[in-house]
Amino acid sequence: MNFLTLVKKRQSTRHYLPKKVDREIIDRCIEAARLAPSACNSQPWKFIVVDNPEKKDELADAAFSGIYSLFTFVKEAPVIVVIITEKSSYAARAGAFLKNIQYSLIDIGIACEHFVLQAAEEEVGTCMIGWFNEKKVKKVLNFSKSVKIDMLISMGYPENKKIREKTRKPIEEIREYY
């Protein structure tokens, strides 16, 4: 598929069919993420796949209650992927300190975008979510307090395959040539 066509096809899915996503598809999405570039090749990520229905429901209930309830739709998704920030290489951490830029977040953003683009190629819907109860997610998954979770991705087959029109600034507003 043409890359721009794929980018136009990729959208945040908020309603899912109750259909299992094969692990082979999930693994191809993780492979796409694994191949993403990162500062000093530090690859500061780990992808935890929660596809057991009972555990996934428990995780969704914990992650998206109270002030986080905007994303209760995630419970419809058959898969939740938890992205953990791993320790970056010394060189990437030093550069981040000197430039006051958290390169690991940039790296994870790139890896997650690779993941969701591959999912779109596979006809699987996703939604990247940064607003969730991290403390409760750690408790459900028995993670230590020191683990840093930066993103969750809901994943499943979209209830509606219609591609919504994207509202974006015109290219003339975001582009400058020198």
C-alpha atoms as a PDB file:
ATOM      1  CA  MET A   1       0.000   0.000   0.000  1.00  0.00           C
ATOM      2  CA  ASN A   2       1.128   3.543  -0.718  1.00  0.00           C
ATOM      3  CA  PHE A   3       2.411   5.161   2.490  1.00  0.00           C
ATOM      4  CA  LEU A   4       0.202   8.280   2.303  1.00  0.00           C
ATOM      5  CA  THR A   5      -2.806   6.046   1.688  1.00  0.00           C
ATOM      6  CA  LEU A   6      -1.904   4.072   4.810  1.00  0.00           C
ATOM      7  CA  VAL A   7      -1.482   7.253   6.866  1.00  0.00           C
ATOM      8  CA  LYS A   8      -4.882   8.496   5.684  1.00  0.00           C
ATOM      9  CA  LYS A   9      -6.404   5.113   6.566  1.00  0.00           C
ATOM     10  CA  ARG A  10      -5.009   5.081  10.126  1.00  0.00           C
ATOM     11  CA  GLN A  11      -7.380   6.592  12.682  1.00  0.00           C
ATOM     12  CA  SER A  12      -8.210   6.223  16.359  1.00  0.00           C
ATOM     13  CA  THR A  13     -10.774   3.454  16.807  1.00  0.00           C
ATOM     14  CA  ARG A  14     -13.223   3.795  19.695  1.00  0.00           C
ATOM     15  CA  HIS A  15     -15.708   1.002  18.905  1.00  0.00           C
ATOM     16  CA  TYR A  16     -14.581  -2.575  18.399  1.00  0.00           C
ATOM     17  CA  LEU A  17     -16.109  -5.837  17.266  1.00  0.00           C
ATOM     18  CA  PRO A  18     -15.943  -8.698  19.790  1.00  0.00           C
ATOM     19  CA  LYS A  19     -13.455 -10.561  17.588  1.00  0.00           C
ATOM     20  CA  LYS A  20     -10.102 -11.931  18.721  1.00  0.00           C
ATOM     21  CA  VAL A  21      -6.947 -10.489  17.135  1.00  0.00           C
ATOM     22  CA  ASP A  22      -4.515 -13.230  16.148  1.00  0.00           C
ATOM     23  CA  ARG A  23      -1.171 -13.078  17.909  1.00  0.00           C
ATOM     24  CA  GLU A  24       0.588 -13.293  14.533  1.00  0.00           C
ATOM     25  CA  ILE A  25      -0.923  -9.912  13.648  1.00  0.00           C
ATOM     26  CA  ILE A  26       0.021  -8.473  17.045  1.00  0.00           C
ATOM     27  CA  ASP A  27       3.572  -9.794  16.585  1.00  0.00           C
ATOM     28  CA  ARG A  28       3.856  -8.102  13.168  1.00  0.00           C
ATOM     29  CA  CYS A  29       2.809  -4.827  14.814  1.00  0.00           C
ATOM     30  CA  ILE A  30       5.434  -5.326  17.525  1.00  0.00           C
ATOM     31  CA  GLU A  31       8.004  -6.164  14.846  1.00  0.00           C
ATOM     32  CA  ALA A  32       7.198  -2.864  13.092  1.00  0.00           C
ATOM     33  CA  ALA A  33       7.674  -1.080  16.438  1.00  0.00           C
ATOM     34  CA  ARG A  34      10.895  -2.987  17.130  1.00  0.00           C
ATOM     35  CA  LEU A  35      12.356  -1.679  13.872  1.00  0.00           C
ATOM     36  CA  ALA A  36      11.678   1.965  14.799  1.00  0.00           C
ATOM     37  CA  PRO A  37      14.687   4.242  15.190  1.00  0.00           C
ATOM     38  CA  SER A  38      15.674   5.479  18.646  1.00  0.00           C
ATOM     39  CA  ALA A  39      18.236   7.864  20.103  1.00  0.00           C
ATOM     40  CA  CYS A  40      21.624   6.116  20.165  1.00  0.00           C
ATOM     41  CA  ASN A  41      19.739   2.911  19.216  1.00  0.00           C
ATOM     42  CA  SER A  42      18.727   2.601  22.876  1.00  0.00           C
ATOM     43  CA  GLN A  43      15.313   1.022  22.061  1.00  0.00           C
ATOM     44  CA  PRO A  44      13.822   2.126  25.407  1.00  0.00           C
ATOM     45  CA  TRP A  45      10.562   0.195  25.118  1.00  0.00           C
ATOM     46  CA  LYS A  46       8.801  -2.988  26.041  1.00  0.00           C
ATOM     47  CA  PHE A  47       5.375  -4.035  24.755  1.00  0.00           C
ATOM     48  CA  ILE A  48       3.152  -5.976  27.170  1.00  0.00           C
ATOM     49  CA  VAL A  49       0.193  -7.558  25.360  1.00  0.00           C
ATOM     50  CA  VAL A  50      -2.928  -8.186  27.416  1.00  0.00           C
ATOM     51  CA  ASP A  51      -5.297 -10.328  25.341  1.00  0.00           C
ATOM     52  CA  ASN A  52      -6.702 -12.645  28.004  1.00  0.00           C
ATOM     53  CA  PRO A  53     -10.331 -11.401  28.174  1.00  0.00           C
ATOM     54  CA  GLU A  54     -10.627 -11.483  31.973  1.00  0.00           C
ATOM     55  CA  LYS A  55      -7.267  -9.786  32.546  1.00  0.00           C
ATOM     56  CA  LYS A  56      -7.960  -7.258  29.777  1.00  0.00           C
ATOM     57  CA  ASP A  57     -11.314  -6.321  31.353  1.00  0.00           C
ATOM     58  CA  GLU A  58      -9.697  -6.019  34.786  1.00  0.00           C
ATOM     59  CA  LEU A  59      -6.985  -3.801  33.290  1.00  0.00           C
ATOM     60  CA  ALA A  60      -9.506  -1.615  31.409  1.00  0.00           C
ATOM     61  CA  ASP A  61     -11.634  -1.169  34.544  1.00  0.00           C
ATOM     62  CA  ALA A  62      -8.584  -0.185  36.598  1.00  0.00           C
ATOM     63  CA  ALA A  63      -7.017   2.087  33.980  1.00  0.00           C
ATOM     64  CA  PHE A  64     -10.163   3.958  32.990  1.00  0.00           C
ATOM     65  CA  SER A  65     -12.218   4.673  36.098  1.00  0.00           C
ATOM     66  CA  GLY A  66     -12.860   7.964  37.886  1.00  0.00           C
ATOM     67  CA  ILE A  67     -11.192  10.948  36.232  1.00  0.00           C
ATOM     68  CA  TYR A  68      -9.886   8.604  33.511  1.00  0.00           C
ATOM     69  CA  SER A  69     -13.363   7.373  32.481  1.00  0.00           C
ATOM     70  CA  LEU A  70     -13.251   9.226  29.156  1.00  0.00           C
ATOM     71  CA  PHE A  71     -11.674   6.073  27.684  1.00  0.00           C
ATOM     72  CA  THR A  72     -14.097   3.404  28.940  1.00  0.00           C
ATOM     73  CA  PHE A  73     -14.526   2.346  25.291  1.00  0.00           C
ATOM     74  CA  VAL A  74     -11.233   0.465  25.697  1.00  0.00           C
ATOM     75  CA  LYS A  75     -13.142  -2.322  27.441  1.00  0.00           C
ATOM     76  CA  GLU A  76     -14.681  -3.158  24.023  1.00  0.00           C
ATOM     77  CA  ALA A  77     -11.222  -3.797  22.555  1.00  0.00           C
ATOM     78  CA  PRO A  78     -10.031  -7.406  22.670  1.00  0.00           C
ATOM     79  CA  VAL A  79      -6.411  -6.309  23.225  1.00  0.00           C
ATOM     80  CA  ILE A  80      -4.656  -3.684  25.308  1.00  0.00           C
ATOM     81  CA  VAL A  81      -0.952  -3.154  24.737  1.00  0.00           C
ATOM     82  CA  VAL A  82       0.955  -1.573  27.610  1.00  0.00           C
ATOM     83  CA  ILE A  83       4.121   0.259  26.588  1.00  0.00           C
ATOM     84  CA  ILE A  84       6.778   0.430  29.263  1.00  0.00           C
ATOM     85  CA  THR A  85       9.688   2.831  29.103  1.00  0.00           C
ATOM     86  CA  GLU A  86      12.913   0.949  29.636  1.00  0.00           C
ATOM     87  CA  LYS A  87      16.182   2.601  30.583  1.00  0.00           C
ATOM     88  CA  SER A  88      17.850   4.373  27.655  1.00  0.00           C
ATOM     89  CA  SER A  89      21.501   3.954  26.814  1.00  0.00           C
ATOM     90  CA  TYR A  90      23.988   6.127  28.711  1.00  0.00           C
ATOM     91  CA  ALA A  91      24.642   8.245  25.602  1.00  0.00           C
ATOM     92  CA  ALA A  92      20.907   8.881  25.055  1.00  0.00           C
ATOM     93  CA  ARG A  93      20.421   9.785  28.732  1.00  0.00           C
ATOM     94  CA  ALA A  94      23.423  12.133  28.652  1.00  0.00           C
ATOM     95  CA  GLY A  95      22.138  13.823  25.502  1.00  0.00           C
ATOM     96  CA  ALA A  96      18.667  14.115  27.033  1.00  0.00           C
ATOM     97  CA  PHE A  97      20.146  15.763  30.122  1.00  0.00           C
ATOM     98  CA  LEU A  98      22.312  18.196  28.140  1.00  0.00           C
ATOM     99  CA  LYS A  99      19.531  19.172  25.723  1.00  0.00           C
ATOM    100  CA  ASN A 100      16.728  18.965  28.315  1.00  0.00           C
ATOM    101  CA  ILE A 101      14.769  16.688  25.975  1.00  0.00           C
ATOM    102  CA  GLN A 102      13.310  13.348  27.018  1.00  0.00           C
ATOM    103  CA  TYR A 103      14.404  11.368  23.959  1.00  0.00           C
ATOM    104  CA  SER A 104      12.856   8.150  25.284  1.00  0.00           C
ATOM    105  CA  LEU A 105       9.377   9.667  24.872  1.00  0.00           C
ATOM    106  CA  ILE A 106      10.173  10.634  21.288  1.00  0.00           C
ATOM    107  CA  ASP A 107      11.467   7.106  20.676  1.00  0.00           C
ATOM    108  CA  ILE A 108       8.357   5.513  22.169  1.00  0.00           C
ATOM    109  CA  GLY A 109       6.144   7.797  20.103  1.00  0.00           C
ATOM    110  CA  ILE A 110       7.901   6.696  16.923  1.00  0.00           C
ATOM    111  CA  ALA A 111       7.712   3.006  17.895  1.00  0.00           C
ATOM    112  CA  CYS A 112       4.026   3.287  18.782  1.00  0.00           C
ATOM    113  CA  GLU A 113       3.275   5.006  15.483  1.00  0.00           C
ATOM    114  CA  HIS A 114       5.026   2.170  13.646  1.00  0.00           C
ATOM    115  CA  PHE A 115       2.840  -0.252  15.672  1.00  0.00           C
ATOM    116  CA  VAL A 116      -0.463   1.449  14.820  1.00  0.00           C
ATOM    117  CA  LEU A 117       0.442   1.924  11.148  1.00  0.00           C
ATOM    118  CA  GLN A 118       1.163  -1.803  10.843  1.00  0.00           C
ATOM    119  CA  ALA A 119      -2.160  -2.501  12.579  1.00  0.00           C
ATOM    120  CA  ALA A 120      -3.924  -0.277  10.022  1.00  0.00           C
ATOM    121  CA  GLU A 121      -2.197  -2.227   7.243  1.00  0.00           C
ATOM    122  CA  GLU A 122      -3.612  -5.393   8.871  1.00  0.00           C
ATOM    123  CA  GLU A 123      -7.158  -3.869   8.953  1.00  0.00           C
ATOM    124  CA  VAL A 124      -6.986  -3.712  12.774  1.00  0.00           C
ATOM    125  CA  GLY A 125      -8.046  -0.577  14.616  1.00  0.00           C
ATOM    126  CA  THR A 126      -6.054   1.052  17.416  1.00  0.00           C
ATOM    127  CA  CYS A 127      -6.167   4.008  19.752  1.00  0.00           C
ATOM    128  CA  MET A 128      -3.061   5.365  21.488  1.00  0.00           C
ATOM    129  CA  ILE A 129      -3.877   6.530  24.998  1.00  0.00           C
ATOM    130  CA  GLY A 130      -1.747   8.506  27.413  1.00  0.00           C
ATOM    131  CA  TRP A 131      -4.516   9.378  29.931  1.00  0.00           C
ATOM    132  CA  PHE A 132      -4.944   6.413  32.305  1.00  0.00           C
ATOM    133  CA  ASN A 133      -4.442   5.486  35.938  1.00  0.00           C
ATOM    134  CA  GLU A 134      -0.828   4.304  35.862  1.00  0.00           C
ATOM    135  CA  LYS A 135      -0.818   3.303  39.522  1.00  0.00           C
ATOM    136  CA  LYS A 136      -3.803   0.972  39.080  1.00  0.00           C
ATOM    137  CA  VAL A 137      -2.387  -0.481  35.851  1.00  0.00           C
ATOM    138  CA  LYS A 138       0.813  -1.358  37.719  1.00  0.00           C
ATOM    139  CA  LYS A 139      -1.216  -3.030  40.449  1.00  0.00           C
ATOM    140  CA  VAL A 140      -3.258  -5.156  38.009  1.00  0.00           C
ATOM    141  CA  LEU A 141      -0.104  -6.263  36.167  1.00  0.00           C
ATOM    142  CA  ASN A 142       1.983  -6.693  39.346  1.00  0.00           C
ATOM    143  CA  PHE A 143       4.590  -4.170  38.179  1.00  0.00           C
ATOM    144  CA  SER A 144       6.918  -2.524  40.661  1.00  0.00           C
ATOM    145  CA  LYS A 145       6.441   1.158  41.459  1.00  0.00           C
ATOM    146  CA  SER A 146       9.642   1.968  39.559  1.00  0.00           C
ATOM    147  CA  VAL A 147       8.202   0.777  36.211  1.00  0.00           C
ATOM    148  CA  LYS A 148       7.239   3.694  33.942  1.00  0.00           C
ATOM    149  CA  ILE A 149       4.208   3.204  31.706  1.00  0.00           C
ATOM    150  CA  ASP A 150       3.870   5.954  29.114  1.00  0.00           C
ATOM    151  CA  MET A 151       1.199   4.664  26.771  1.00  0.00           C
ATOM    152  CA  LEU A 152      -1.564   2.148  26.280  1.00  0.00           C
ATOM    153  CA  ILE A 153      -2.824   1.069  22.881  1.00  0.00           C
ATOM    154  CA  SER A 154      -6.277  -0.443  22.481  1.00  0.00           C
ATOM    155  CA  MET A 155      -6.477  -2.844  19.577  1.00  0.00           C
ATOM    156  CA  GLY A 156      -9.210  -4.712  17.742  1.00  0.00           C
ATOM    157  CA  TYR A 157     -11.342  -4.878  14.636  1.00  0.00           C
ATOM    158  CA  PRO A 158     -13.263  -1.635  14.090  1.00  0.00           C
ATOM    159  CA  GLU A 159     -17.028  -1.793  14.412  1.00  0.00           C
ATOM    160  CA  ASN A 160     -17.211   0.710  11.538  1.00  0.00           C
ATOM    161  CA  LYS A 161     -14.594   0.637   8.769  1.00  0.00           C
ATOM    162  CA  LYS A 162     -15.529   4.049   7.373  1.00  0.00           C
ATOM    163  CA  ILE A 163     -12.518   6.366   7.284  1.00  0.00           C
ATOM    164  CA  ARG A 164     -13.401   9.673   8.894  1.00  0.00           C
ATOM    165  CA  GLU A 165     -12.332  12.883   7.208  1.00  0.00           C
ATOM    166  CA  LYS A 166      -9.315  14.295   9.003  1.00  0.00           C
ATOM    167  CA  THR A 167      -9.463  17.911  10.134  1.00  0.00           C
ATOM    168  CA  ARG A 168      -5.940  19.237   9.925  1.00  0.00           C
ATOM    169  CA  LYS A 169      -4.303  22.601   9.405  1.00  0.00           C
ATOM    170  CA  PRO A 170      -3.575  23.351   5.733  1.00  0.00           C
ATOM    171  CA  ILE A 171      -0.043  22.533   4.611  1.00  0.00           C
ATOM    172  CA  GLU A 172       0.624  26.221   3.923  1.00  0.00           C
ATOM    173  CA  GLU A 173       0.072  26.945   7.614  1.00  0.00           C
ATOM    174  CA  ILE A 174       2.591  24.397   8.871  1.00  0.00           C
ATOM    175  CA  ARG A 175       5.280  24.596   6.174  1.00  0.00           C
ATOM    176  CA  GLU A 176       8.052  27.073   5.551  1.00  0.00           C
ATOM    177  CA  TYR A 177      10.925  26.846   3.097  1.00  0.00           C
ATOM    178  CA  TYR A 178      14.217  28.729   3.519  1.00  0.00           C
END
